[in-house]
Amino acid sequence: MVNAQPGSMQHTDGGTRWVTAITSLMVGTAFFALWFWLLPSWLGFQTAGRSALGWRWIAAVFSVLGFSVALRCVWDFGWTGRGTPAPVAPPKKLVVVGFYRYVRNPMYLGFFWGWAGLWVVFGHVNWALISAALAVVLCVALFVRLYEEPTLREMFGTEYEEYCRNVRAWVPRMRAWHQGRAA
């Protein structure tokens, strides 16, 4: 419950909020761990010679930043949305804070940049694996379009419609969108 004073962000349900935020982080961590365990060998990750060392450091920065964005989004699902990224325990409130004020799918974009960076750091060029990775990206985009967006429209109605009108799905805005204000 939010305090009734205008402009106040004090919450009287802090205990419940912490539980859902921690649960969301646990789900997110399990998801990260699962993918870190499954994907590296499938993607052909391996360390190579020193010839591309400079590029690998740049890619490592993108990877860390990407995974940091995704982790922050997991936190926002728990703290603000009071749920998890998992469809079995979705947020109870529409999450329109942090990176979600710039783009509707920052968690997916963070994962994409994180994995792309790791692939450059540890990977090697294999067109079959690149094709498979692109197929996964396409499947994620279809999942968002065909499952997540209709589900969010059903759950949050006009609030989600307003959000969609003001924040693009995959290309970030230059300025943060604030709910209730014009674009």
N, C-alpha and C. Protein backbone atom coordinates (compact mmCIF):
# COMPACT_ATOMS: atom_id res chain seq x y z
N MET A 1 0.84 -1.16 0.00
CA MET A 1 0.00 0.00 0.00
C MET A 1 0.89 1.24 0.00
N VAL A 2 0.57 2.22 -0.79
CA VAL A 2 1.35 3.44 -0.88
C VAL A 2 0.76 4.46 0.06
N ASN A 3 1.61 5.22 0.75
CA ASN A 3 1.17 6.29 1.62
C ASN A 3 0.33 7.27 0.83
N ALA A 4 -0.71 7.82 1.40
CA ALA A 4 -1.66 8.65 0.68
C ALA A 4 -1.14 10.05 0.36
N GLN A 5 -0.04 10.47 0.96
CA GLN A 5 0.46 11.82 0.71
C GLN A 5 0.99 11.94 -0.71
N PRO A 6 0.62 13.01 -1.42
CA PRO A 6 1.12 13.20 -2.78
C PRO A 6 2.64 13.30 -2.79
N GLY A 7 3.25 12.64 -3.74
CA GLY A 7 4.71 12.69 -3.88
C GLY A 7 5.46 11.78 -2.94
N SER A 8 4.76 11.15 -2.00
CA SER A 8 5.42 10.27 -1.06
C SER A 8 5.55 8.87 -1.64
N MET A 9 6.70 8.27 -1.47
CA MET A 9 6.91 6.91 -1.99
C MET A 9 7.12 5.93 -0.84
N GLN A 10 6.69 6.27 0.37
CA GLN A 10 6.82 5.35 1.48
C GLN A 10 5.77 4.27 1.35
N HIS A 11 6.17 3.05 1.64
CA HIS A 11 5.27 1.92 1.51
C HIS A 11 5.08 1.26 2.86
N THR A 12 3.84 0.89 3.14
CA THR A 12 3.54 0.25 4.41
C THR A 12 3.64 -1.26 4.33
N ASP A 13 3.84 -1.82 3.13
CA ASP A 13 3.94 -3.28 2.98
C ASP A 13 5.38 -3.69 2.66
N GLY A 14 6.33 -3.06 3.34
CA GLY A 14 7.75 -3.29 3.06
C GLY A 14 8.17 -4.74 3.20
N GLY A 15 7.64 -5.47 4.18
CA GLY A 15 8.02 -6.86 4.36
C GLY A 15 7.65 -7.72 3.18
N THR A 16 6.43 -7.58 2.71
CA THR A 16 5.96 -8.34 1.54
C THR A 16 6.75 -7.94 0.31
N ARG A 17 7.01 -6.67 0.19
CA ARG A 17 7.75 -6.17 -0.97
C ARG A 17 9.16 -6.75 -1.03
N TRP A 18 9.82 -6.83 0.12
CA TRP A 18 11.16 -7.42 0.17
C TRP A 18 11.12 -8.89 -0.20
N VAL A 19 10.11 -9.61 0.28
CA VAL A 19 9.99 -11.03 -0.02
C VAL A 19 9.84 -11.24 -1.53
N THR A 20 8.96 -10.46 -2.17
CA THR A 20 8.77 -10.64 -3.61
C THR A 20 10.01 -10.22 -4.38
N ALA A 21 10.70 -9.17 -3.94
CA ALA A 21 11.92 -8.73 -4.63
C ALA A 21 13.01 -9.81 -4.51
N ILE A 22 13.17 -10.37 -3.33
CA ILE A 22 14.18 -11.42 -3.13
C ILE A 22 13.80 -12.67 -3.93
N THR A 23 12.51 -13.03 -3.93
CA THR A 23 12.06 -14.18 -4.72
C THR A 23 12.34 -13.96 -6.20
N SER A 24 12.07 -12.75 -6.69
CA SER A 24 12.35 -12.43 -8.09
C SER A 24 13.83 -12.57 -8.39
N LEU A 25 14.68 -12.09 -7.49
CA LEU A 25 16.13 -12.23 -7.68
C LEU A 25 16.55 -13.70 -7.68
N MET A 26 15.93 -14.50 -6.83
CA MET A 26 16.26 -15.93 -6.79
C MET A 26 15.86 -16.60 -8.11
N VAL A 27 14.67 -16.28 -8.61
CA VAL A 27 14.23 -16.84 -9.89
C VAL A 27 15.17 -16.38 -11.00
N GLY A 28 15.50 -15.08 -11.00
CA GLY A 28 16.42 -14.55 -12.01
C GLY A 28 17.79 -15.19 -11.93
N THR A 29 18.30 -15.38 -10.73
CA THR A 29 19.60 -16.01 -10.55
C THR A 29 19.58 -17.45 -11.04
N ALA A 30 18.50 -18.16 -10.73
CA ALA A 30 18.38 -19.55 -11.22
C ALA A 30 18.35 -19.58 -12.74
N PHE A 31 17.64 -18.63 -13.33
CA PHE A 31 17.58 -18.54 -14.78
C PHE A 31 18.96 -18.27 -15.37
N PHE A 32 19.67 -17.28 -14.79
CA PHE A 32 21.04 -16.98 -15.24
C PHE A 32 21.92 -18.22 -15.12
N ALA A 33 21.87 -18.87 -13.96
CA ALA A 33 22.72 -20.03 -13.72
C ALA A 33 22.43 -21.16 -14.71
N LEU A 34 21.16 -21.39 -14.97
CA LEU A 34 20.78 -22.43 -15.92
C LEU A 34 21.39 -22.14 -17.29
N TRP A 35 21.25 -20.91 -17.75
CA TRP A 35 21.76 -20.57 -19.07
C TRP A 35 23.28 -20.55 -19.10
N PHE A 36 23.91 -20.11 -18.03
CA PHE A 36 25.38 -20.13 -18.00
C PHE A 36 25.89 -21.57 -17.99
N TRP A 37 25.13 -22.48 -17.43
CA TRP A 37 25.53 -23.88 -17.38
C TRP A 37 25.27 -24.56 -18.72
N LEU A 38 24.12 -24.26 -19.36
CA LEU A 38 23.74 -24.94 -20.59
C LEU A 38 24.40 -24.39 -21.86
N LEU A 39 24.43 -23.07 -21.98
CA LEU A 39 24.78 -22.48 -23.26
C LEU A 39 26.25 -22.44 -23.65
N PRO A 40 27.18 -22.20 -22.75
CA PRO A 40 28.56 -22.04 -23.22
C PRO A 40 29.07 -23.17 -24.10
N SER A 41 28.85 -24.41 -23.74
CA SER A 41 29.36 -25.49 -24.59
C SER A 41 28.57 -25.57 -25.89
N TRP A 42 27.28 -25.31 -25.84
CA TRP A 42 26.46 -25.35 -27.04
C TRP A 42 26.87 -24.26 -28.03
N LEU A 43 27.23 -23.09 -27.50
CA LEU A 43 27.64 -21.98 -28.37
C LEU A 43 29.08 -22.10 -28.82
N GLY A 44 29.79 -23.09 -28.32
CA GLY A 44 31.18 -23.27 -28.73
C GLY A 44 32.13 -22.32 -28.03
N PHE A 45 31.78 -21.86 -26.83
CA PHE A 45 32.67 -20.95 -26.11
C PHE A 45 33.99 -21.63 -25.81
N GLN A 46 35.05 -20.93 -26.07
CA GLN A 46 36.40 -21.39 -25.74
C GLN A 46 37.31 -20.19 -25.77
N THR A 47 38.42 -20.26 -25.09
CA THR A 47 39.36 -19.16 -25.13
C THR A 47 40.29 -19.35 -26.31
N ALA A 48 40.57 -18.26 -26.98
CA ALA A 48 41.43 -18.31 -28.17
C ALA A 48 42.76 -17.61 -27.86
N GLY A 49 43.55 -17.43 -28.87
CA GLY A 49 44.85 -16.77 -28.70
C GLY A 49 44.71 -15.30 -28.36
N ARG A 50 45.84 -14.61 -28.28
CA ARG A 50 45.85 -13.21 -27.87
C ARG A 50 45.53 -12.24 -29.01
N SER A 51 45.34 -12.71 -30.21
CA SER A 51 45.17 -11.81 -31.36
C SER A 51 43.97 -10.87 -31.22
N ALA A 52 42.92 -11.30 -30.59
CA ALA A 52 41.71 -10.47 -30.48
C ALA A 52 41.49 -9.98 -29.05
N LEU A 53 42.53 -9.92 -28.25
CA LEU A 53 42.40 -9.56 -26.84
C LEU A 53 41.70 -8.22 -26.64
N GLY A 54 42.06 -7.21 -27.43
CA GLY A 54 41.44 -5.89 -27.29
C GLY A 54 39.95 -5.91 -27.54
N TRP A 55 39.54 -6.63 -28.57
CA TRP A 55 38.11 -6.74 -28.87
C TRP A 55 37.38 -7.49 -27.76
N ARG A 56 38.05 -8.46 -27.18
CA ARG A 56 37.40 -9.23 -26.11
C ARG A 56 37.12 -8.36 -24.89
N TRP A 57 38.01 -7.43 -24.56
CA TRP A 57 37.77 -6.55 -23.42
C TRP A 57 36.57 -5.65 -23.68
N ILE A 58 36.46 -5.14 -24.90
CA ILE A 58 35.30 -4.32 -25.26
C ILE A 58 34.03 -5.15 -25.16
N ALA A 59 34.07 -6.36 -25.69
CA ALA A 59 32.91 -7.24 -25.63
C ALA A 59 32.57 -7.59 -24.18
N ALA A 60 33.58 -7.76 -23.34
CA ALA A 60 33.33 -8.07 -21.93
C ALA A 60 32.57 -6.94 -21.25
N VAL A 61 32.89 -5.70 -21.60
CA VAL A 61 32.17 -4.54 -21.03
C VAL A 61 30.71 -4.60 -21.46
N PHE A 62 30.44 -4.85 -22.74
CA PHE A 62 29.05 -4.97 -23.22
C PHE A 62 28.34 -6.11 -22.51
N SER A 63 29.04 -7.20 -22.30
CA SER A 63 28.45 -8.35 -21.63
C SER A 63 28.05 -8.01 -20.20
N VAL A 64 28.96 -7.40 -19.46
CA VAL A 64 28.67 -7.03 -18.07
C VAL A 64 27.52 -6.03 -18.02
N LEU A 65 27.55 -5.03 -18.89
CA LEU A 65 26.47 -4.04 -18.90
C LEU A 65 25.13 -4.69 -19.26
N GLY A 66 25.15 -5.58 -20.26
CA GLY A 66 23.92 -6.25 -20.66
C GLY A 66 23.32 -7.08 -19.54
N PHE A 67 24.15 -7.89 -18.90
CA PHE A 67 23.65 -8.72 -17.81
C PHE A 67 23.24 -7.87 -16.60
N SER A 68 23.90 -6.73 -16.40
CA SER A 68 23.51 -5.81 -15.31
C SER A 68 22.12 -5.24 -15.56
N VAL A 69 21.85 -4.86 -16.81
CA VAL A 69 20.51 -4.37 -17.17
C VAL A 69 19.48 -5.46 -16.88
N ALA A 70 19.75 -6.68 -17.32
CA ALA A 70 18.81 -7.78 -17.10
C ALA A 70 18.58 -8.02 -15.61
N LEU A 71 19.65 -8.00 -14.82
CA LEU A 71 19.52 -8.22 -13.38
C LEU A 71 18.71 -7.10 -12.73
N ARG A 72 18.93 -5.86 -13.14
CA ARG A 72 18.14 -4.75 -12.60
C ARG A 72 16.66 -4.94 -12.94
N CYS A 73 16.38 -5.43 -14.15
CA CYS A 73 14.99 -5.67 -14.55
C CYS A 73 14.36 -6.77 -13.70
N VAL A 74 15.12 -7.80 -13.37
CA VAL A 74 14.63 -8.85 -12.48
C VAL A 74 14.27 -8.24 -11.13
N TRP A 75 15.13 -7.37 -10.62
CA TRP A 75 14.86 -6.68 -9.35
C TRP A 75 13.57 -5.87 -9.46
N ASP A 76 13.41 -5.11 -10.55
CA ASP A 76 12.21 -4.29 -10.72
C ASP A 76 10.95 -5.14 -10.77
N PHE A 77 11.02 -6.33 -11.35
CA PHE A 77 9.86 -7.23 -11.36
C PHE A 77 9.45 -7.56 -9.94
N GLY A 78 10.42 -7.81 -9.06
CA GLY A 78 10.09 -8.16 -7.68
C GLY A 78 9.70 -6.96 -6.84
N TRP A 79 10.48 -5.90 -6.91
CA TRP A 79 10.27 -4.75 -6.04
C TRP A 79 9.05 -3.93 -6.45
N THR A 80 8.95 -3.59 -7.72
CA THR A 80 7.86 -2.75 -8.19
C THR A 80 6.65 -3.57 -8.62
N GLY A 81 6.91 -4.64 -9.39
CA GLY A 81 5.81 -5.44 -9.92
C GLY A 81 5.26 -6.46 -8.96
N ARG A 82 6.03 -6.75 -7.91
CA ARG A 82 5.63 -7.74 -6.90
C ARG A 82 5.36 -9.10 -7.49
N GLY A 83 6.30 -9.52 -8.34
CA GLY A 83 6.23 -10.83 -8.97
C GLY A 83 7.60 -11.20 -9.49
N THR A 84 7.65 -12.14 -10.39
CA THR A 84 8.92 -12.59 -10.95
C THR A 84 8.83 -12.56 -12.48
N PRO A 85 9.96 -12.73 -13.16
CA PRO A 85 9.92 -12.82 -14.62
C PRO A 85 9.28 -14.13 -15.11
N ALA A 86 9.15 -15.10 -14.24
CA ALA A 86 8.58 -16.39 -14.63
C ALA A 86 7.06 -16.27 -14.83
N PRO A 87 6.53 -16.82 -15.93
CA PRO A 87 5.09 -16.74 -16.17
C PRO A 87 4.22 -17.36 -15.08
N VAL A 88 4.78 -18.27 -14.28
CA VAL A 88 3.99 -18.89 -13.21
C VAL A 88 3.77 -17.95 -12.03
N ALA A 89 4.59 -16.91 -11.89
CA ALA A 89 4.44 -15.93 -10.81
C ALA A 89 4.68 -14.53 -11.38
N PRO A 90 3.80 -14.08 -12.28
CA PRO A 90 4.02 -12.79 -12.95
C PRO A 90 3.82 -11.60 -12.01
N PRO A 91 4.30 -10.44 -12.41
CA PRO A 91 4.09 -9.24 -11.59
C PRO A 91 2.60 -8.93 -11.43
N LYS A 92 2.27 -8.37 -10.29
CA LYS A 92 0.89 -7.97 -10.02
C LYS A 92 0.63 -6.54 -10.48
N LYS A 93 1.71 -5.79 -10.65
CA LYS A 93 1.62 -4.40 -11.11
C LYS A 93 2.45 -4.28 -12.38
N LEU A 94 2.04 -3.40 -13.29
CA LEU A 94 2.80 -3.13 -14.50
C LEU A 94 4.12 -2.46 -14.12
N VAL A 95 5.22 -2.99 -14.60
CA VAL A 95 6.54 -2.47 -14.27
C VAL A 95 6.92 -1.41 -15.31
N VAL A 96 6.92 -0.15 -14.85
CA VAL A 96 7.26 0.97 -15.72
C VAL A 96 8.24 1.87 -14.97
N VAL A 97 9.33 1.27 -14.53
CA VAL A 97 10.38 2.00 -13.81
C VAL A 97 11.73 1.61 -14.42
N GLY A 98 12.77 2.30 -14.03
CA GLY A 98 14.11 1.95 -14.47
C GLY A 98 14.22 1.91 -15.98
N PHE A 99 14.81 0.84 -16.49
CA PHE A 99 15.01 0.70 -17.93
C PHE A 99 13.69 0.54 -18.69
N TYR A 100 12.64 0.13 -18.01
CA TYR A 100 11.34 -0.03 -18.67
C TYR A 100 10.73 1.31 -19.07
N ARG A 101 11.28 2.42 -18.60
CA ARG A 101 10.82 3.74 -19.04
C ARG A 101 11.40 4.11 -20.40
N TYR A 102 12.40 3.35 -20.87
CA TYR A 102 13.05 3.63 -22.15
C TYR A 102 12.65 2.65 -23.25
N VAL A 103 12.43 1.39 -22.87
CA VAL A 103 12.12 0.34 -23.85
C VAL A 103 11.30 -0.73 -23.13
N ARG A 104 10.37 -1.35 -23.85
CA ARG A 104 9.47 -2.31 -23.21
C ARG A 104 10.12 -3.65 -22.87
N ASN A 105 11.20 -3.99 -23.52
CA ASN A 105 11.81 -5.31 -23.31
C ASN A 105 13.29 -5.21 -22.92
N PRO A 106 13.61 -4.43 -21.90
CA PRO A 106 15.03 -4.26 -21.57
C PRO A 106 15.69 -5.54 -21.03
N MET A 107 14.91 -6.42 -20.41
CA MET A 107 15.51 -7.64 -19.88
C MET A 107 16.01 -8.52 -21.03
N TYR A 108 15.20 -8.65 -22.07
CA TYR A 108 15.62 -9.43 -23.23
C TYR A 108 16.82 -8.77 -23.92
N LEU A 109 16.77 -7.45 -24.05
CA LEU A 109 17.90 -6.75 -24.69
C LEU A 109 19.17 -6.90 -23.86
N GLY A 110 19.03 -6.84 -22.54
CA GLY A 110 20.19 -7.03 -21.67
C GLY A 110 20.79 -8.42 -21.83
N PHE A 111 19.91 -9.43 -21.87
CA PHE A 111 20.40 -10.80 -22.11
C PHE A 111 21.08 -10.90 -23.47
N PHE A 112 20.47 -10.31 -24.48
CA PHE A 112 21.06 -10.36 -25.82
C PHE A 112 22.47 -9.77 -25.82
N TRP A 113 22.63 -8.57 -25.26
CA TRP A 113 23.96 -7.94 -25.24
C TRP A 113 24.92 -8.72 -24.36
N GLY A 114 24.41 -9.26 -23.25
CA GLY A 114 25.27 -10.06 -22.37
C GLY A 114 25.81 -11.29 -23.07
N TRP A 115 24.91 -12.02 -23.73
CA TRP A 115 25.34 -13.25 -24.43
C TRP A 115 26.16 -12.93 -25.66
N ALA A 116 25.80 -11.88 -26.39
CA ALA A 116 26.59 -11.51 -27.57
C ALA A 116 28.01 -11.16 -27.15
N GLY A 117 28.14 -10.42 -26.05
CA GLY A 117 29.47 -10.08 -25.54
C GLY A 117 30.26 -11.31 -25.13
N LEU A 118 29.61 -12.24 -24.43
CA LEU A 118 30.30 -13.47 -24.04
C LEU A 118 30.72 -14.28 -25.25
N TRP A 119 29.89 -14.27 -26.27
CA TRP A 119 30.22 -15.02 -27.47
C TRP A 119 31.48 -14.47 -28.12
N VAL A 120 31.60 -13.15 -28.14
CA VAL A 120 32.81 -12.54 -28.69
C VAL A 120 34.02 -12.86 -27.81
N VAL A 121 33.81 -12.80 -26.49
CA VAL A 121 34.92 -13.05 -25.56
C VAL A 121 35.42 -14.50 -25.66
N PHE A 122 34.50 -15.46 -25.67
CA PHE A 122 34.89 -16.87 -25.59
C PHE A 122 34.60 -17.68 -26.85
N GLY A 123 33.86 -17.12 -27.77
CA GLY A 123 33.38 -17.91 -28.89
C GLY A 123 34.30 -17.94 -30.08
N HIS A 124 33.83 -18.62 -31.06
CA HIS A 124 34.49 -18.67 -32.36
C HIS A 124 33.39 -18.65 -33.43
N VAL A 125 33.74 -18.22 -34.62
CA VAL A 125 32.74 -18.09 -35.68
C VAL A 125 32.33 -19.48 -36.19
N ASN A 126 31.06 -19.71 -36.13
CA ASN A 126 30.49 -20.94 -36.65
C ASN A 126 29.11 -20.55 -37.19
N TRP A 127 28.95 -20.57 -38.49
CA TRP A 127 27.72 -20.06 -39.09
C TRP A 127 26.49 -20.87 -38.68
N ALA A 128 26.63 -22.12 -38.42
CA ALA A 128 25.49 -22.92 -37.96
C ALA A 128 25.02 -22.44 -36.59
N LEU A 129 25.97 -22.15 -35.69
CA LEU A 129 25.60 -21.66 -34.36
C LEU A 129 25.04 -20.24 -34.43
N ILE A 130 25.59 -19.42 -35.30
CA ILE A 130 25.07 -18.07 -35.47
C ILE A 130 23.63 -18.14 -35.98
N SER A 131 23.37 -19.02 -36.93
CA SER A 131 22.01 -19.20 -37.45
C SER A 131 21.07 -19.67 -36.35
N ALA A 132 21.53 -20.61 -35.53
CA ALA A 132 20.70 -21.11 -34.42
C ALA A 132 20.42 -19.98 -33.42
N ALA A 133 21.43 -19.18 -33.12
CA ALA A 133 21.24 -18.06 -32.19
C ALA A 133 20.24 -17.05 -32.76
N LEU A 134 20.31 -16.78 -34.04
CA LEU A 134 19.35 -15.87 -34.67
C LEU A 134 17.94 -16.45 -34.64
N ALA A 135 17.83 -17.76 -34.78
CA ALA A 135 16.52 -18.42 -34.67
C ALA A 135 15.96 -18.25 -33.26
N VAL A 136 16.83 -18.35 -32.25
CA VAL A 136 16.39 -18.16 -30.87
C VAL A 136 15.89 -16.73 -30.67
N VAL A 137 16.62 -15.76 -31.22
CA VAL A 137 16.20 -14.35 -31.11
C VAL A 137 14.82 -14.17 -31.76
N LEU A 138 14.62 -14.77 -32.92
CA LEU A 138 13.33 -14.69 -33.60
C LEU A 138 12.23 -15.33 -32.75
N CYS A 139 12.52 -16.48 -32.15
CA CYS A 139 11.53 -17.15 -31.29
C CYS A 139 11.18 -16.28 -30.08
N VAL A 140 12.16 -15.62 -29.51
CA VAL A 140 11.90 -14.73 -28.37
C VAL A 140 10.99 -13.59 -28.82
N ALA A 141 11.29 -12.98 -29.97
CA ALA A 141 10.47 -11.88 -30.48
C ALA A 141 9.03 -12.35 -30.72
N LEU A 142 8.86 -13.55 -31.26
CA LEU A 142 7.53 -14.10 -31.47
C LEU A 142 6.82 -14.39 -30.15
N PHE A 143 7.56 -14.92 -29.17
CA PHE A 143 7.00 -15.18 -27.84
C PHE A 143 6.47 -13.88 -27.23
N VAL A 144 7.27 -12.81 -27.34
CA VAL A 144 6.85 -11.51 -26.80
C VAL A 144 5.58 -11.04 -27.51
N ARG A 145 5.60 -11.11 -28.83
CA ARG A 145 4.48 -10.61 -29.64
C ARG A 145 3.20 -11.43 -29.46
N LEU A 146 3.34 -12.75 -29.43
CA LEU A 146 2.16 -13.62 -29.43
C LEU A 146 1.67 -14.04 -28.05
N TYR A 147 2.56 -13.99 -27.03
CA TYR A 147 2.13 -14.40 -25.69
C TYR A 147 2.19 -13.24 -24.69
N GLU A 148 3.37 -12.64 -24.54
CA GLU A 148 3.53 -11.64 -23.48
C GLU A 148 2.65 -10.41 -23.68
N GLU A 149 2.69 -9.83 -24.88
CA GLU A 149 1.91 -8.61 -25.10
C GLU A 149 0.41 -8.82 -24.92
N PRO A 150 -0.18 -9.88 -25.50
CA PRO A 150 -1.62 -10.10 -25.24
C PRO A 150 -1.92 -10.36 -23.75
N THR A 151 -1.02 -11.07 -23.08
CA THR A 151 -1.22 -11.34 -21.66
C THR A 151 -1.18 -10.05 -20.85
N LEU A 152 -0.24 -9.17 -21.16
CA LEU A 152 -0.13 -7.89 -20.46
C LEU A 152 -1.33 -7.00 -20.76
N ARG A 153 -1.81 -7.02 -22.00
CA ARG A 153 -3.01 -6.24 -22.34
C ARG A 153 -4.21 -6.72 -21.52
N GLU A 154 -4.31 -8.04 -21.37
CA GLU A 154 -5.41 -8.60 -20.59
C GLU A 154 -5.28 -8.26 -19.11
N MET A 155 -4.06 -8.32 -18.58
CA MET A 155 -3.83 -8.07 -17.15
C MET A 155 -3.95 -6.60 -16.78
N PHE A 156 -3.41 -5.70 -17.63
CA PHE A 156 -3.27 -4.30 -17.23
C PHE A 156 -4.08 -3.32 -18.09
N GLY A 157 -4.75 -3.80 -19.13
CA GLY A 157 -5.68 -3.00 -19.92
C GLY A 157 -5.14 -1.69 -20.44
N THR A 158 -5.87 -0.60 -20.14
CA THR A 158 -5.52 0.72 -20.70
C THR A 158 -4.17 1.23 -20.22
N GLU A 159 -3.76 0.82 -19.03
CA GLU A 159 -2.44 1.24 -18.52
C GLU A 159 -1.34 0.69 -19.44
N TYR A 160 -1.48 -0.56 -19.85
CA TYR A 160 -0.50 -1.16 -20.75
C TYR A 160 -0.60 -0.55 -22.15
N GLU A 161 -1.81 -0.27 -22.61
CA GLU A 161 -2.00 0.35 -23.93
C GLU A 161 -1.30 1.71 -23.98
N GLU A 162 -1.45 2.52 -22.93
CA GLU A 162 -0.78 3.82 -22.88
C GLU A 162 0.73 3.63 -22.91
N TYR A 163 1.21 2.66 -22.16
CA TYR A 163 2.65 2.36 -22.14
C TYR A 163 3.14 1.99 -23.54
N CYS A 164 2.41 1.13 -24.24
CA CYS A 164 2.80 0.71 -25.60
C CYS A 164 2.80 1.88 -26.58
N ARG A 165 1.87 2.81 -26.42
CA ARG A 165 1.83 3.98 -27.30
C ARG A 165 3.05 4.88 -27.10
N ASN A 166 3.65 4.83 -25.92
CA ASN A 166 4.72 5.77 -25.59
C ASN A 166 6.12 5.17 -25.55
N VAL A 167 6.22 3.87 -25.41
CA VAL A 167 7.52 3.21 -25.29
C VAL A 167 7.59 2.08 -26.32
N ARG A 168 8.61 2.11 -27.17
CA ARG A 168 8.76 1.09 -28.21
C ARG A 168 9.22 -0.24 -27.60
N ALA A 169 8.96 -1.31 -28.32
CA ALA A 169 9.27 -2.65 -27.83
C ALA A 169 10.77 -2.94 -27.81
N TRP A 170 11.49 -2.57 -28.86
CA TRP A 170 12.89 -3.01 -28.99
C TRP A 170 13.90 -1.89 -29.18
N VAL A 171 13.46 -0.70 -29.53
CA VAL A 171 14.39 0.41 -29.75
C VAL A 171 14.17 1.43 -28.63
N PRO A 172 15.18 1.64 -27.79
CA PRO A 172 15.01 2.54 -26.64
C PRO A 172 14.72 3.99 -27.04
N ARG A 173 13.96 4.66 -26.21
CA ARG A 173 13.71 6.10 -26.33
C ARG A 173 14.96 6.85 -25.89
N MET A 174 15.07 8.09 -26.31
CA MET A 174 16.19 8.92 -25.87
C MET A 174 15.96 9.45 -24.45
N ARG A 175 14.71 9.72 -24.12
CA ARG A 175 14.37 10.24 -22.79
C ARG A 175 13.40 9.28 -22.12
N ALA A 176 13.50 9.20 -20.82
CA ALA A 176 12.62 8.32 -20.05
C ALA A 176 11.17 8.78 -20.17
N TRP A 177 10.28 7.80 -20.32
CA TRP A 177 8.84 8.09 -20.33
C TRP A 177 8.34 8.08 -18.91
N HIS A 178 7.48 9.03 -18.60
CA HIS A 178 6.87 9.09 -17.27
C HIS A 178 5.38 8.91 -17.43
N GLN A 179 4.85 7.93 -16.76
CA GLN A 179 3.43 7.58 -16.84
C GLN A 179 2.57 8.80 -16.56
N GLY A 180 1.56 8.99 -17.41
CA GLY A 180 0.64 10.09 -17.20
C GLY A 180 1.04 11.36 -17.92
N ARG A 181 2.24 11.41 -18.47
CA ARG A 181 2.70 12.59 -19.21
C ARG A 181 2.68 12.28 -20.70
N ALA A 182 2.57 13.29 -21.49
CA ALA A 182 2.62 13.12 -22.95
C ALA A 182 4.01 12.73 -23.37
N ALA A 183 4.11 12.04 -24.51
CA ALA A 183 5.41 11.59 -25.04
C ALA A 183 6.27 12.77 -25.31
